[in-house]
Amino acid sequence: MLGVNQQRLKTDFKAYFDKTINEYVNELRMEKARELLQNTDLTNIAIAEQLGFESKSGFYRAFRKHFGCTPKEYREQQ
């Protein structure tokens, strides 16, 4: 659709944004998770499902890697 092959798209994306497409998407997911934790009463499992994580543990791992704490700890800090 864009007129470039997949590898070229990945290479150009990385050069422009200084991160891979997956890193960029995960960053967006984590920012949305932060927003949902701050502004809703959704459970952590509901947030994980809404953001497309296949498991609660995958969501927790990604959240801890990005923010340095678990979703529960983050909510308690707010």
N, C-alpha and C. Protein backbone atom coordinates (compact mmCIF):
# COMPACT_ATOMS: atom_id res chain seq x y z
N MET A 1 0.82 -1.20 0.00
CA MET A 1 0.00 0.00 0.00
C MET A 1 0.86 1.27 0.00
N LEU A 2 2.00 1.21 0.68
CA LEU A 2 2.85 2.39 0.77
C LEU A 2 3.87 2.49 -0.36
N GLY A 3 3.97 1.44 -1.13
CA GLY A 3 4.90 1.46 -2.25
C GLY A 3 6.33 1.11 -1.86
N VAL A 4 6.54 0.57 -0.65
CA VAL A 4 7.86 0.12 -0.24
C VAL A 4 7.71 -1.27 0.38
N ASN A 5 8.80 -2.04 0.33
CA ASN A 5 8.70 -3.36 0.94
C ASN A 5 8.82 -3.26 2.46
N GLN A 6 8.52 -4.35 3.12
CA GLN A 6 8.45 -4.38 4.58
C GLN A 6 9.79 -4.00 5.22
N GLN A 7 10.89 -4.53 4.69
CA GLN A 7 12.20 -4.25 5.27
C GLN A 7 12.55 -2.76 5.14
N ARG A 8 12.24 -2.18 4.00
CA ARG A 8 12.53 -0.75 3.79
C ARG A 8 11.70 0.11 4.75
N LEU A 9 10.44 -0.27 4.95
CA LEU A 9 9.58 0.45 5.89
C LEU A 9 10.18 0.39 7.30
N LYS A 10 10.60 -0.80 7.73
CA LYS A 10 11.19 -0.95 9.06
C LYS A 10 12.46 -0.11 9.21
N THR A 11 13.31 -0.15 8.19
CA THR A 11 14.56 0.60 8.23
C THR A 11 14.31 2.10 8.28
N ASP A 12 13.43 2.58 7.44
CA ASP A 12 13.12 4.01 7.41
C ASP A 12 12.43 4.47 8.69
N PHE A 13 11.56 3.65 9.23
CA PHE A 13 10.88 3.98 10.47
C PHE A 13 11.90 4.13 11.60
N LYS A 14 12.81 3.18 11.70
CA LYS A 14 13.84 3.20 12.73
C LYS A 14 14.73 4.44 12.57
N ALA A 15 15.08 4.78 11.35
CA ALA A 15 15.92 5.95 11.11
C ALA A 15 15.20 7.24 11.50
N TYR A 16 13.93 7.31 11.24
CA TYR A 16 13.16 8.53 11.51
C TYR A 16 12.80 8.69 12.99
N PHE A 17 12.34 7.60 13.61
CA PHE A 17 11.86 7.66 14.99
C PHE A 17 12.89 7.18 16.03
N ASP A 18 14.00 6.64 15.58
CA ASP A 18 15.05 6.11 16.45
C ASP A 18 14.53 4.99 17.35
N LYS A 19 13.55 4.25 16.88
CA LYS A 19 13.02 3.07 17.57
C LYS A 19 12.32 2.20 16.54
N THR A 20 12.19 0.92 16.88
CA THR A 20 11.51 0.02 15.95
C THR A 20 10.00 0.27 16.00
N ILE A 21 9.31 -0.28 15.02
CA ILE A 21 7.86 -0.17 15.00
C ILE A 21 7.27 -0.81 16.25
N ASN A 22 7.79 -1.97 16.64
CA ASN A 22 7.28 -2.64 17.84
C ASN A 22 7.53 -1.81 19.10
N GLU A 23 8.70 -1.19 19.21
CA GLU A 23 8.99 -0.33 20.37
C GLU A 23 8.03 0.85 20.41
N TYR A 24 7.75 1.42 19.24
CA TYR A 24 6.84 2.57 19.15
C TYR A 24 5.43 2.17 19.57
N VAL A 25 4.95 1.06 19.06
CA VAL A 25 3.61 0.58 19.39
C VAL A 25 3.52 0.26 20.88
N ASN A 26 4.54 -0.38 21.42
CA ASN A 26 4.53 -0.72 22.85
C ASN A 26 4.54 0.55 23.69
N GLU A 27 5.26 1.56 23.28
CA GLU A 27 5.26 2.84 23.99
C GLU A 27 3.86 3.45 24.01
N LEU A 28 3.17 3.40 22.89
CA LEU A 28 1.79 3.90 22.84
C LEU A 28 0.88 3.11 23.76
N ARG A 29 1.06 1.79 23.78
CA ARG A 29 0.25 0.94 24.65
C ARG A 29 0.49 1.27 26.12
N MET A 30 1.74 1.50 26.48
CA MET A 30 2.07 1.81 27.87
C MET A 30 1.52 3.17 28.28
N GLU A 31 1.55 4.13 27.39
CA GLU A 31 0.98 5.45 27.71
C GLU A 31 -0.54 5.35 27.88
N LYS A 32 -1.18 4.51 27.07
CA LYS A 32 -2.62 4.30 27.22
C LYS A 32 -2.90 3.57 28.53
N ALA A 33 -2.05 2.61 28.89
CA ALA A 33 -2.22 1.91 30.16
C ALA A 33 -2.12 2.88 31.32
N ARG A 34 -1.13 3.77 31.27
CA ARG A 34 -0.95 4.77 32.32
C ARG A 34 -2.20 5.64 32.43
N GLU A 35 -2.71 6.07 31.32
CA GLU A 35 -3.92 6.91 31.29
C GLU A 35 -5.11 6.17 31.90
N LEU A 36 -5.29 4.91 31.54
CA LEU A 36 -6.41 4.12 32.06
C LEU A 36 -6.26 3.87 33.56
N LEU A 37 -5.04 3.64 34.01
CA LEU A 37 -4.81 3.42 35.44
C LEU A 37 -5.12 4.69 36.24
N GLN A 38 -4.80 5.83 35.68
CA GLN A 38 -5.03 7.11 36.36
C GLN A 38 -6.49 7.53 36.35
N ASN A 39 -7.19 7.26 35.26
CA ASN A 39 -8.49 7.88 35.04
C ASN A 39 -9.69 6.94 35.06
N THR A 40 -9.46 5.66 35.32
CA THR A 40 -10.59 4.73 35.35
C THR A 40 -10.45 3.80 36.55
N ASP A 41 -11.50 3.06 36.80
CA ASP A 41 -11.48 2.03 37.84
C ASP A 41 -11.39 0.64 37.22
N LEU A 42 -10.98 0.57 35.96
CA LEU A 42 -10.84 -0.73 35.30
C LEU A 42 -9.81 -1.57 36.03
N THR A 43 -10.04 -2.86 36.07
CA THR A 43 -9.04 -3.75 36.67
C THR A 43 -7.82 -3.83 35.77
N ASN A 44 -6.72 -4.29 36.35
CA ASN A 44 -5.50 -4.44 35.55
C ASN A 44 -5.71 -5.45 34.43
N ILE A 45 -6.48 -6.49 34.72
CA ILE A 45 -6.76 -7.50 33.69
C ILE A 45 -7.57 -6.88 32.55
N ALA A 46 -8.57 -6.07 32.88
CA ALA A 46 -9.38 -5.42 31.85
C ALA A 46 -8.53 -4.49 30.99
N ILE A 47 -7.61 -3.77 31.63
CA ILE A 47 -6.72 -2.87 30.88
C ILE A 47 -5.82 -3.69 29.97
N ALA A 48 -5.26 -4.78 30.49
CA ALA A 48 -4.40 -5.64 29.68
C ALA A 48 -5.15 -6.16 28.45
N GLU A 49 -6.38 -6.61 28.66
CA GLU A 49 -7.19 -7.11 27.54
C GLU A 49 -7.51 -6.01 26.55
N GLN A 50 -7.86 -4.84 27.06
CA GLN A 50 -8.20 -3.71 26.18
C GLN A 50 -7.01 -3.31 25.31
N LEU A 51 -5.81 -3.46 25.84
CA LEU A 51 -4.61 -3.07 25.09
C LEU A 51 -4.03 -4.20 24.25
N GLY A 52 -4.70 -5.35 24.27
CA GLY A 52 -4.31 -6.44 23.39
C GLY A 52 -3.25 -7.38 23.93
N PHE A 53 -3.00 -7.34 25.23
CA PHE A 53 -2.04 -8.29 25.81
C PHE A 53 -2.72 -9.65 25.94
N GLU A 54 -1.97 -10.70 25.67
CA GLU A 54 -2.53 -12.05 25.72
C GLU A 54 -2.61 -12.57 27.15
N SER A 55 -1.84 -11.99 28.06
CA SER A 55 -1.87 -12.45 29.44
C SER A 55 -1.61 -11.29 30.39
N LYS A 56 -2.06 -11.47 31.61
CA LYS A 56 -1.82 -10.46 32.64
C LYS A 56 -0.33 -10.33 32.91
N SER A 57 0.37 -11.46 32.92
CA SER A 57 1.81 -11.42 33.21
C SER A 57 2.58 -10.68 32.11
N GLY A 58 2.17 -10.82 30.87
CA GLY A 58 2.81 -10.08 29.78
C GLY A 58 2.62 -8.58 29.94
N PHE A 59 1.42 -8.20 30.34
CA PHE A 59 1.13 -6.78 30.60
C PHE A 59 1.98 -6.27 31.75
N TYR A 60 2.04 -7.02 32.85
CA TYR A 60 2.82 -6.61 34.01
C TYR A 60 4.30 -6.47 33.65
N ARG A 61 4.84 -7.43 32.90
CA ARG A 61 6.25 -7.36 32.49
C ARG A 61 6.52 -6.11 31.66
N ALA A 62 5.67 -5.86 30.67
CA ALA A 62 5.86 -4.70 29.81
C ALA A 62 5.73 -3.40 30.60
N PHE A 63 4.75 -3.35 31.50
CA PHE A 63 4.53 -2.14 32.30
C PHE A 63 5.72 -1.88 33.22
N ARG A 64 6.21 -2.93 33.89
CA ARG A 64 7.36 -2.77 34.79
C ARG A 64 8.60 -2.33 34.01
N LYS A 65 8.79 -2.90 32.84
CA LYS A 65 9.95 -2.53 32.02
C LYS A 65 9.87 -1.06 31.62
N HIS A 66 8.70 -0.59 31.30
CA HIS A 66 8.52 0.79 30.83
C HIS A 66 8.54 1.81 31.96
N PHE A 67 7.86 1.50 33.07
CA PHE A 67 7.69 2.47 34.15
C PHE A 67 8.50 2.17 35.42
N GLY A 68 9.06 0.96 35.52
CA GLY A 68 9.85 0.61 36.69
C GLY A 68 9.04 0.19 37.90
N CYS A 69 7.75 -0.07 37.71
CA CYS A 69 6.88 -0.54 38.79
C CYS A 69 5.72 -1.30 38.17
N THR A 70 4.99 -2.03 39.00
CA THR A 70 3.83 -2.76 38.51
C THR A 70 2.65 -1.81 38.35
N PRO A 71 1.62 -2.20 37.61
CA PRO A 71 0.43 -1.36 37.51
C PRO A 71 -0.18 -1.07 38.88
N LYS A 72 -0.18 -2.06 39.77
CA LYS A 72 -0.74 -1.85 41.11
C LYS A 72 0.08 -0.80 41.87
N GLU A 73 1.38 -0.91 41.83
CA GLU A 73 2.24 0.07 42.50
C GLU A 73 2.03 1.46 41.90
N TYR A 74 1.89 1.52 40.58
CA TYR A 74 1.68 2.81 39.91
C TYR A 74 0.38 3.45 40.40
N ARG A 75 -0.67 2.66 40.46
CA ARG A 75 -1.96 3.18 40.91
C ARG A 75 -1.88 3.66 42.36
N GLU A 76 -1.17 2.95 43.19
CA GLU A 76 -1.03 3.33 44.59
C GLU A 76 -0.26 4.64 44.74
N GLN A 77 0.64 4.92 43.83
CA GLN A 77 1.43 6.15 43.88
C GLN A 77 0.62 7.37 43.47
N GLN A 78 -0.46 7.13 42.73
CA GLN A 78 -1.25 8.25 42.21
C GLN A 78 -2.19 8.82 43.22
